Amino acid sequence: MTNREIERLIDGVRRGDGNASETLYREFSGSIYFFVLRIVGNETAAEDIMQDTFIAILQKSDRYTPRGKPAAWIFSIAKNKAIDHLRGQGRYVPLEEDILPSSDARELSDDAWPELLRTLNEKERDIVILRVLDGYTLTEIARNLGMPKGTVFWTYNNAMKKLRKEFGKGEK
């Protein structure tokens, strides 16, 4: 589905078009569910958050401004709902605490995080998400992933170095 088609669907949702709402749900519900599931690690919570995401889309569709990446807008709503859920459970550790130097008070926009995380390979990204978003210790991650503890520690530290380096590029 192209960006323009997604924008048309969001506009249809804004206008109360039930077909647009159904199509948007059909196109994105599965990917949002699995995206959120990776963050919260609980199927029931992921289902609820996915539903809450579509409710928020209905409520916020009049505030959507086309900027060429409507799927990013949809997934940022889902991510924020997932983070709210983790905060409610006391399991959320802000990513910037691990990435940004403590002397740097600059806040990154929500759109900057996915770009930073794209610099990591899948294994690094999984470990960073499990550590930072899910709050697992590196020892727990090693046990859950069936990996040697040293490998998880090394991978996490290298991933964090990459993220700090990438963050530094964005400051220039």
N, C-alpha and C. Protein backbone atom coordinates (compact mmCIF):
# COMPACT_ATOMS: atom_id res chain seq x y z
N MET A 1 0.85 -1.17 0.00
CA MET A 1 0.00 0.00 0.00
C MET A 1 0.91 1.25 0.00
N THR A 2 0.61 2.17 -0.89
CA THR A 2 1.44 3.37 -0.99
C THR A 2 1.09 4.38 0.10
N ASN A 3 2.00 5.32 0.31
CA ASN A 3 1.75 6.38 1.29
C ASN A 3 0.48 7.16 0.94
N ARG A 4 0.29 7.43 -0.33
CA ARG A 4 -0.89 8.20 -0.76
C ARG A 4 -2.18 7.44 -0.46
N GLU A 5 -2.16 6.11 -0.67
CA GLU A 5 -3.34 5.30 -0.37
C GLU A 5 -3.65 5.30 1.12
N ILE A 6 -2.60 5.22 1.92
CA ILE A 6 -2.79 5.25 3.38
C ILE A 6 -3.33 6.61 3.80
N GLU A 7 -2.80 7.67 3.22
CA GLU A 7 -3.30 9.02 3.53
C GLU A 7 -4.78 9.16 3.16
N ARG A 8 -5.17 8.56 2.05
CA ARG A 8 -6.59 8.60 1.66
C ARG A 8 -7.46 7.86 2.67
N LEU A 9 -6.95 6.74 3.17
CA LEU A 9 -7.69 5.99 4.18
C LEU A 9 -7.83 6.80 5.47
N ILE A 10 -6.76 7.45 5.88
CA ILE A 10 -6.81 8.27 7.10
C ILE A 10 -7.81 9.41 6.90
N ASP A 11 -7.79 10.00 5.72
CA ASP A 11 -8.76 11.05 5.43
C ASP A 11 -10.18 10.50 5.45
N GLY A 12 -10.36 9.28 4.93
CA GLY A 12 -11.67 8.65 4.98
C GLY A 12 -12.13 8.38 6.41
N VAL A 13 -11.20 7.95 7.26
CA VAL A 13 -11.50 7.75 8.68
C VAL A 13 -11.95 9.07 9.29
N ARG A 14 -11.23 10.14 8.96
CA ARG A 14 -11.57 11.47 9.47
C ARG A 14 -12.98 11.87 9.08
N ARG A 15 -13.39 11.50 7.86
CA ARG A 15 -14.72 11.84 7.36
C ARG A 15 -15.80 10.86 7.81
N GLY A 16 -15.41 9.82 8.58
CA GLY A 16 -16.38 8.86 9.08
C GLY A 16 -16.72 7.74 8.11
N ASP A 17 -15.88 7.52 7.11
CA ASP A 17 -16.09 6.47 6.13
C ASP A 17 -15.75 5.11 6.76
N GLY A 18 -16.78 4.30 6.99
CA GLY A 18 -16.60 2.98 7.59
C GLY A 18 -15.73 2.05 6.77
N ASN A 19 -15.84 2.14 5.45
CA ASN A 19 -15.01 1.30 4.58
C ASN A 19 -13.53 1.65 4.74
N ALA A 20 -13.23 2.92 4.86
CA ALA A 20 -11.84 3.34 5.05
C ALA A 20 -11.32 2.82 6.38
N SER A 21 -12.14 2.90 7.41
CA SER A 21 -11.74 2.39 8.73
C SER A 21 -11.47 0.90 8.68
N GLU A 22 -12.35 0.16 8.02
CA GLU A 22 -12.18 -1.29 7.90
C GLU A 22 -10.92 -1.64 7.12
N THR A 23 -10.69 -0.94 6.04
CA THR A 23 -9.51 -1.22 5.21
C THR A 23 -8.23 -0.89 5.98
N LEU A 24 -8.21 0.23 6.67
CA LEU A 24 -7.04 0.61 7.46
C LEU A 24 -6.77 -0.45 8.53
N TYR A 25 -7.83 -0.90 9.19
CA TYR A 25 -7.70 -1.93 10.23
C TYR A 25 -7.17 -3.22 9.62
N ARG A 26 -7.74 -3.63 8.51
CA ARG A 26 -7.33 -4.87 7.85
C ARG A 26 -5.86 -4.80 7.42
N GLU A 27 -5.44 -3.65 6.93
CA GLU A 27 -4.07 -3.49 6.44
C GLU A 27 -3.03 -3.42 7.57
N PHE A 28 -3.41 -2.84 8.70
CA PHE A 28 -2.42 -2.58 9.74
C PHE A 28 -2.57 -3.35 11.04
N SER A 29 -3.71 -3.96 11.30
CA SER A 29 -3.92 -4.58 12.61
C SER A 29 -2.89 -5.66 12.93
N GLY A 30 -2.58 -6.51 11.96
CA GLY A 30 -1.61 -7.58 12.20
C GLY A 30 -0.22 -7.06 12.48
N SER A 31 0.24 -6.12 11.67
CA SER A 31 1.61 -5.61 11.87
C SER A 31 1.70 -4.78 13.15
N ILE A 32 0.65 -4.06 13.50
CA ILE A 32 0.66 -3.31 14.75
C ILE A 32 0.68 -4.28 15.94
N TYR A 33 -0.13 -5.32 15.85
CA TYR A 33 -0.16 -6.31 16.93
C TYR A 33 1.24 -6.88 17.18
N PHE A 34 1.92 -7.33 16.12
CA PHE A 34 3.24 -7.93 16.30
C PHE A 34 4.29 -6.90 16.72
N PHE A 35 4.17 -5.68 16.22
CA PHE A 35 5.06 -4.60 16.64
C PHE A 35 4.93 -4.36 18.14
N VAL A 36 3.70 -4.25 18.62
CA VAL A 36 3.43 -4.00 20.03
C VAL A 36 3.81 -5.22 20.88
N LEU A 37 3.56 -6.41 20.36
CA LEU A 37 3.90 -7.63 21.09
C LEU A 37 5.39 -7.69 21.38
N ARG A 38 6.21 -7.26 20.43
CA ARG A 38 7.66 -7.24 20.66
C ARG A 38 8.02 -6.27 21.78
N ILE A 39 7.26 -5.23 21.94
CA ILE A 39 7.55 -4.24 22.98
C ILE A 39 7.07 -4.72 24.34
N VAL A 40 5.82 -5.19 24.41
CA VAL A 40 5.23 -5.52 25.72
C VAL A 40 5.39 -6.97 26.13
N GLY A 41 5.59 -7.87 25.16
CA GLY A 41 5.83 -9.27 25.47
C GLY A 41 4.64 -10.01 26.05
N ASN A 42 3.43 -9.52 25.81
CA ASN A 42 2.24 -10.16 26.36
C ASN A 42 1.15 -10.09 25.29
N GLU A 43 0.63 -11.26 24.89
CA GLU A 43 -0.34 -11.31 23.80
C GLU A 43 -1.63 -10.56 24.10
N THR A 44 -2.14 -10.72 25.33
CA THR A 44 -3.39 -10.05 25.69
C THR A 44 -3.20 -8.54 25.69
N ALA A 45 -2.10 -8.09 26.28
CA ALA A 45 -1.81 -6.65 26.31
C ALA A 45 -1.61 -6.12 24.89
N ALA A 46 -0.92 -6.89 24.04
CA ALA A 46 -0.69 -6.46 22.66
C ALA A 46 -2.01 -6.30 21.91
N GLU A 47 -2.94 -7.23 22.13
CA GLU A 47 -4.26 -7.14 21.49
C GLU A 47 -4.99 -5.88 21.95
N ASP A 48 -4.98 -5.64 23.27
CA ASP A 48 -5.64 -4.45 23.81
C ASP A 48 -5.01 -3.17 23.26
N ILE A 49 -3.69 -3.13 23.23
CA ILE A 49 -2.97 -1.94 22.75
C ILE A 49 -3.24 -1.72 21.27
N MET A 50 -3.31 -2.82 20.50
CA MET A 50 -3.62 -2.69 19.08
C MET A 50 -5.00 -2.07 18.90
N GLN A 51 -5.97 -2.53 19.68
CA GLN A 51 -7.32 -1.96 19.61
C GLN A 51 -7.32 -0.49 20.04
N ASP A 52 -6.59 -0.18 21.11
CA ASP A 52 -6.48 1.21 21.58
C ASP A 52 -5.84 2.10 20.52
N THR A 53 -4.91 1.53 19.76
CA THR A 53 -4.26 2.29 18.69
C THR A 53 -5.28 2.72 17.64
N PHE A 54 -6.18 1.81 17.26
CA PHE A 54 -7.18 2.16 16.25
C PHE A 54 -8.22 3.13 16.80
N ILE A 55 -8.52 3.03 18.06
CA ILE A 55 -9.41 4.02 18.67
C ILE A 55 -8.75 5.40 18.61
N ALA A 56 -7.45 5.45 18.94
CA ALA A 56 -6.72 6.72 18.88
C ALA A 56 -6.65 7.26 17.46
N ILE A 57 -6.50 6.38 16.48
CA ILE A 57 -6.48 6.82 15.08
C ILE A 57 -7.82 7.47 14.73
N LEU A 58 -8.90 6.85 15.17
CA LEU A 58 -10.22 7.44 14.93
C LEU A 58 -10.33 8.81 15.58
N GLN A 59 -9.84 8.93 16.80
CA GLN A 59 -9.95 10.18 17.54
C GLN A 59 -9.01 11.26 17.02
N LYS A 60 -7.85 10.86 16.49
CA LYS A 60 -6.83 11.83 16.08
C LYS A 60 -6.75 12.05 14.58
N SER A 61 -7.57 11.37 13.82
CA SER A 61 -7.47 11.45 12.36
C SER A 61 -7.64 12.88 11.85
N ASP A 62 -8.40 13.70 12.57
CA ASP A 62 -8.59 15.08 12.13
C ASP A 62 -7.33 15.93 12.36
N ARG A 63 -6.40 15.42 13.15
CA ARG A 63 -5.16 16.15 13.40
C ARG A 63 -3.99 15.65 12.57
N TYR A 64 -4.22 14.61 11.79
CA TYR A 64 -3.15 14.07 10.95
C TYR A 64 -2.83 15.06 9.83
N THR A 65 -1.53 15.33 9.66
CA THR A 65 -1.08 16.19 8.58
C THR A 65 -0.21 15.36 7.64
N PRO A 66 -0.61 15.23 6.37
CA PRO A 66 0.20 14.42 5.45
C PRO A 66 1.63 14.95 5.33
N ARG A 67 2.57 14.05 5.59
CA ARG A 67 4.00 14.41 5.48
C ARG A 67 4.77 13.35 4.71
N GLY A 68 4.04 12.46 4.04
CA GLY A 68 4.72 11.46 3.22
C GLY A 68 4.92 10.11 3.87
N LYS A 69 4.77 9.98 5.20
CA LYS A 69 4.96 8.70 5.86
C LYS A 69 3.82 8.44 6.85
N PRO A 70 2.63 8.17 6.33
CA PRO A 70 1.50 7.98 7.22
C PRO A 70 1.63 6.73 8.10
N ALA A 71 2.31 5.70 7.62
CA ALA A 71 2.48 4.49 8.44
C ALA A 71 3.31 4.82 9.68
N ALA A 72 4.27 5.73 9.55
CA ALA A 72 5.07 6.14 10.71
C ALA A 72 4.17 6.80 11.77
N TRP A 73 3.21 7.58 11.33
CA TRP A 73 2.25 8.21 12.27
C TRP A 73 1.46 7.14 13.00
N ILE A 74 0.99 6.14 12.26
CA ILE A 74 0.21 5.05 12.85
C ILE A 74 1.05 4.28 13.86
N PHE A 75 2.27 3.93 13.48
CA PHE A 75 3.13 3.15 14.38
C PHE A 75 3.62 3.97 15.57
N SER A 76 3.73 5.27 15.40
CA SER A 76 4.12 6.09 16.57
C SER A 76 3.00 6.10 17.60
N ILE A 77 1.75 6.07 17.15
CA ILE A 77 0.63 5.97 18.08
C ILE A 77 0.70 4.64 18.82
N ALA A 78 0.94 3.56 18.08
CA ALA A 78 1.04 2.23 18.69
C ALA A 78 2.20 2.17 19.68
N LYS A 79 3.33 2.73 19.30
CA LYS A 79 4.50 2.73 20.19
C LYS A 79 4.20 3.50 21.47
N ASN A 80 3.57 4.65 21.33
CA ASN A 80 3.24 5.45 22.52
C ASN A 80 2.25 4.72 23.42
N LYS A 81 1.29 4.03 22.83
CA LYS A 81 0.34 3.24 23.63
C LYS A 81 1.08 2.11 24.37
N ALA A 82 2.02 1.47 23.69
CA ALA A 82 2.80 0.39 24.32
C ALA A 82 3.67 0.93 25.46
N ILE A 83 4.28 2.07 25.24
CA ILE A 83 5.12 2.67 26.28
C ILE A 83 4.26 3.08 27.47
N ASP A 84 3.09 3.63 27.20
CA ASP A 84 2.17 3.97 28.30
C ASP A 84 1.83 2.73 29.12
N HIS A 85 1.61 1.63 28.42
CA HIS A 85 1.31 0.37 29.11
C HIS A 85 2.49 -0.06 30.00
N LEU A 86 3.71 0.00 29.45
CA LEU A 86 4.89 -0.38 30.22
C LEU A 86 5.11 0.55 31.41
N ARG A 87 4.88 1.83 31.20
CA ARG A 87 4.99 2.77 32.31
C ARG A 87 4.02 2.44 33.43
N GLY A 88 2.81 2.07 33.05
CA GLY A 88 1.79 1.70 34.02
C GLY A 88 2.20 0.48 34.84
N GLN A 89 3.05 -0.35 34.26
CA GLN A 89 3.54 -1.52 34.97
C GLN A 89 4.88 -1.27 35.65
N GLY A 90 5.43 -0.06 35.48
CA GLY A 90 6.74 0.25 36.05
C GLY A 90 7.87 -0.45 35.33
N ARG A 91 7.66 -0.83 34.06
CA ARG A 91 8.68 -1.57 33.30
C ARG A 91 9.38 -0.75 32.24
N TYR A 92 9.10 0.53 32.14
CA TYR A 92 9.67 1.33 31.06
C TYR A 92 10.88 2.10 31.55
N VAL A 93 11.99 1.97 30.82
CA VAL A 93 13.19 2.75 31.07
C VAL A 93 13.41 3.58 29.81
N PRO A 94 13.37 4.92 29.91
CA PRO A 94 13.53 5.73 28.70
C PRO A 94 14.83 5.40 27.97
N LEU A 95 14.74 5.20 26.68
CA LEU A 95 15.88 4.82 25.87
C LEU A 95 17.00 5.84 25.96
N GLU A 96 16.65 7.11 26.05
CA GLU A 96 17.69 8.14 26.05
C GLU A 96 18.62 8.04 27.26
N GLU A 97 18.18 7.42 28.34
CA GLU A 97 19.06 7.26 29.50
C GLU A 97 20.22 6.36 29.18
N ASP A 98 20.03 5.39 28.31
CA ASP A 98 21.11 4.49 27.93
C ASP A 98 21.93 5.02 26.76
N ILE A 99 21.33 5.85 25.92
CA ILE A 99 22.01 6.26 24.69
C ILE A 99 22.69 7.62 24.82
N LEU A 100 21.99 8.58 25.34
CA LEU A 100 22.50 9.94 25.35
C LEU A 100 23.48 10.16 26.48
N PRO A 101 24.54 10.89 26.21
CA PRO A 101 25.43 11.25 27.30
C PRO A 101 24.65 12.05 28.34
N SER A 102 24.95 11.85 29.60
CA SER A 102 24.16 12.50 30.66
C SER A 102 24.27 14.01 30.58
N SER A 103 25.35 14.53 30.02
CA SER A 103 25.50 15.98 29.92
C SER A 103 24.67 16.57 28.79
N ASP A 104 24.13 15.72 27.93
CA ASP A 104 23.35 16.20 26.79
C ASP A 104 21.88 16.21 27.14
N ALA A 105 21.30 17.38 27.27
CA ALA A 105 19.89 17.50 27.66
C ALA A 105 18.96 17.52 26.46
N ARG A 106 19.52 17.50 25.26
CA ARG A 106 18.69 17.56 24.07
C ARG A 106 17.75 16.37 23.99
N GLU A 107 16.50 16.63 23.67
CA GLU A 107 15.50 15.57 23.54
C GLU A 107 15.36 15.22 22.07
N LEU A 108 15.29 13.94 21.78
CA LEU A 108 15.04 13.50 20.42
C LEU A 108 13.54 13.41 20.19
N SER A 109 13.12 13.70 18.98
CA SER A 109 11.71 13.53 18.66
C SER A 109 11.42 12.03 18.55
N ASP A 110 10.16 11.68 18.68
CA ASP A 110 9.76 10.27 18.55
C ASP A 110 10.15 9.71 17.20
N ASP A 111 10.16 10.54 16.17
CA ASP A 111 10.51 10.08 14.84
C ASP A 111 11.99 9.72 14.71
N ALA A 112 12.85 10.24 15.60
CA ALA A 112 14.29 9.99 15.51
C ALA A 112 14.65 8.60 16.01
N TRP A 113 13.91 8.06 16.97
CA TRP A 113 14.26 6.75 17.56
C TRP A 113 14.24 5.62 16.54
N PRO A 114 13.20 5.49 15.72
CA PRO A 114 13.23 4.39 14.75
C PRO A 114 14.43 4.48 13.82
N GLU A 115 14.81 5.71 13.45
CA GLU A 115 15.99 5.88 12.59
C GLU A 115 17.24 5.39 13.30
N LEU A 116 17.40 5.75 14.57
CA LEU A 116 18.56 5.29 15.33
C LEU A 116 18.58 3.77 15.42
N LEU A 117 17.44 3.18 15.73
CA LEU A 117 17.38 1.73 15.91
C LEU A 117 17.62 0.98 14.60
N ARG A 118 17.34 1.62 13.47
CA ARG A 118 17.59 0.97 12.17
C ARG A 118 19.08 0.76 11.92
N THR A 119 19.94 1.46 12.64
CA THR A 119 21.38 1.28 12.46
C THR A 119 21.87 -0.03 13.06
N LEU A 120 21.01 -0.69 13.83
CA LEU A 120 21.38 -1.94 14.49
C LEU A 120 20.92 -3.14 13.66
N ASN A 121 21.67 -4.25 13.79
CA ASN A 121 21.17 -5.47 13.16
C ASN A 121 20.07 -6.05 14.05
N GLU A 122 19.39 -7.09 13.58
CA GLU A 122 18.22 -7.60 14.28
C GLU A 122 18.56 -8.09 15.70
N LYS A 123 19.66 -8.79 15.85
CA LYS A 123 20.04 -9.31 17.17
C LYS A 123 20.32 -8.16 18.14
N GLU A 124 21.04 -7.14 17.67
CA GLU A 124 21.33 -5.98 18.52
C GLU A 124 20.05 -5.26 18.91
N ARG A 125 19.17 -5.06 17.93
CA ARG A 125 17.91 -4.36 18.17
C ARG A 125 17.06 -5.12 19.18
N ASP A 126 16.99 -6.45 19.02
CA ASP A 126 16.21 -7.27 19.96
C ASP A 126 16.75 -7.13 21.38
N ILE A 127 18.06 -7.18 21.53
CA ILE A 127 18.66 -7.10 22.86
C ILE A 127 18.43 -5.71 23.46
N VAL A 128 18.58 -4.66 22.66
CA VAL A 128 18.36 -3.30 23.17
C VAL A 128 16.90 -3.12 23.57
N ILE A 129 15.97 -3.60 22.77
CA ILE A 129 14.55 -3.47 23.10
C ILE A 129 14.22 -4.25 24.37
N LEU A 130 14.74 -5.49 24.47
CA LEU A 130 14.48 -6.28 25.68
C LEU A 130 15.05 -5.60 26.91
N ARG A 131 16.23 -5.00 26.77
CA ARG A 131 16.87 -4.35 27.92
C ARG A 131 16.19 -3.03 28.27
N VAL A 132 16.00 -2.20 27.28
CA VAL A 132 15.56 -0.84 27.53
C VAL A 132 14.05 -0.73 27.69
N LEU A 133 13.29 -1.33 26.78
CA LEU A 133 11.84 -1.21 26.85
C LEU A 133 11.21 -2.21 27.81
N ASP A 134 11.71 -3.45 27.78
CA ASP A 134 11.09 -4.47 28.61
C ASP A 134 11.72 -4.55 30.00
N GLY A 135 12.89 -3.94 30.17
CA GLY A 135 13.50 -3.88 31.50
C GLY A 135 14.18 -5.15 31.97
N TYR A 136 14.45 -6.09 31.05
CA TYR A 136 15.15 -7.30 31.44
C TYR A 136 16.62 -7.01 31.71
N THR A 137 17.20 -7.76 32.62
CA THR A 137 18.65 -7.65 32.83
C THR A 137 19.33 -8.39 31.68
N LEU A 138 20.61 -8.10 31.48
CA LEU A 138 21.33 -8.78 30.42
C LEU A 138 21.43 -10.28 30.70
N THR A 139 21.51 -10.65 31.96
CA THR A 139 21.54 -12.06 32.33
C THR A 139 20.22 -12.74 31.96
N GLU A 140 19.10 -12.07 32.23
CA GLU A 140 17.79 -12.63 31.87
C GLU A 140 17.65 -12.74 30.36
N ILE A 141 18.16 -11.76 29.64
CA ILE A 141 18.10 -11.79 28.18
C ILE A 141 18.89 -12.99 27.66
N ALA A 142 20.08 -13.19 28.20
CA ALA A 142 20.91 -14.33 27.78
C ALA A 142 20.17 -15.64 28.01
N ARG A 143 19.57 -15.77 29.16
CA ARG A 143 18.83 -17.00 29.48
C ARG A 143 17.63 -17.17 28.54
N ASN A 144 16.86 -16.08 28.34
CA ASN A 144 15.66 -16.16 27.50
C ASN A 144 15.97 -16.42 26.03
N LEU A 145 17.08 -15.88 25.56
CA LEU A 145 17.45 -16.07 24.15
C LEU A 145 18.33 -17.30 23.93
N GLY A 146 18.73 -17.94 25.03
CA GLY A 146 19.59 -19.12 24.91
C GLY A 146 20.97 -18.77 24.38
N MET A 147 21.47 -17.61 24.74
CA MET A 147 22.77 -17.15 24.28
C MET A 147 23.73 -17.08 25.45
N PRO A 148 25.04 -17.22 25.18
CA PRO A 148 26.01 -17.04 26.27
C PRO A 148 25.91 -15.63 26.82
N LYS A 149 26.05 -15.51 28.13
CA LYS A 149 25.94 -14.21 28.78
C LYS A 149 26.95 -13.21 28.21
N GLY A 150 28.17 -13.66 27.98
CA GLY A 150 29.19 -12.77 27.43
C GLY A 150 28.82 -12.20 26.07
N THR A 151 28.17 -13.03 25.26
CA THR A 151 27.75 -12.59 23.92
C THR A 151 26.69 -11.49 24.03
N VAL A 152 25.74 -11.68 24.96
CA VAL A 152 24.69 -10.68 25.15
C VAL A 152 25.30 -9.38 25.65
N PHE A 153 26.21 -9.46 26.64
CA PHE A 153 26.85 -8.25 27.16
C PHE A 153 27.61 -7.53 26.06
N TRP A 154 28.39 -8.28 25.28
CA TRP A 154 29.20 -7.70 24.21
C TRP A 154 28.30 -7.07 23.16
N THR A 155 27.24 -7.80 22.75
CA THR A 155 26.32 -7.29 21.72
C THR A 155 25.63 -6.03 22.19
N TYR A 156 25.16 -6.02 23.44
CA TYR A 156 24.47 -4.85 23.98
C TYR A 156 25.41 -3.64 24.01
N ASN A 157 26.62 -3.83 24.52
CA ASN A 157 27.57 -2.72 24.60
C ASN A 157 27.92 -2.18 23.22
N ASN A 158 28.12 -3.07 22.26
CA ASN A 158 28.41 -2.61 20.90
C ASN A 158 27.23 -1.88 20.28
N ALA A 159 26.01 -2.39 20.54
CA ALA A 159 24.82 -1.72 20.02
C ALA A 159 24.70 -0.31 20.60
N MET A 160 24.96 -0.18 21.90
CA MET A 160 24.88 1.13 22.54
C MET A 160 25.95 2.08 21.98
N LYS A 161 27.14 1.57 21.69
CA LYS A 161 28.18 2.39 21.07
C LYS A 161 27.73 2.89 19.70
N LYS A 162 27.12 1.99 18.92
CA LYS A 162 26.60 2.38 17.60
C LYS A 162 25.54 3.47 17.74
N LEU A 163 24.65 3.30 18.70
CA LEU A 163 23.58 4.28 18.88
C LEU A 163 24.14 5.63 19.32
N ARG A 164 25.11 5.60 20.22
CA ARG A 164 25.73 6.88 20.65
C ARG A 164 26.43 7.56 19.49
N LYS A 165 27.13 6.77 18.68
CA LYS A 165 27.83 7.32 17.51
C LYS A 165 26.81 7.91 16.53
N GLU A 166 25.75 7.17 16.25
CA GLU A 166 24.71 7.64 15.34
C GLU A 166 24.02 8.89 15.89
N PHE A 167 23.78 8.93 17.19
CA PHE A 167 23.19 10.10 17.81
C PHE A 167 24.11 11.30 17.63
N GLY A 168 25.41 11.09 17.79
CA GLY A 168 26.37 12.18 17.61
C GLY A 168 26.36 12.75 16.21
N LYS A 169 26.12 11.91 15.20
CA LYS A 169 26.04 12.38 13.82
C LYS A 169 24.88 13.35 13.65
N GLY A 170 23.78 13.08 14.33
CA GLY A 170 22.59 13.91 14.21
C GLY A 170 22.75 15.27 14.84
N GLU A 171 23.75 15.44 15.71
CA GLU A 171 23.93 16.72 16.39
C GLU A 171 24.64 17.74 15.52
N LYS A 172 25.36 17.27 14.51
CA LYS A 172 26.20 18.18 13.71
C LYS A 172 25.41 19.00 12.75
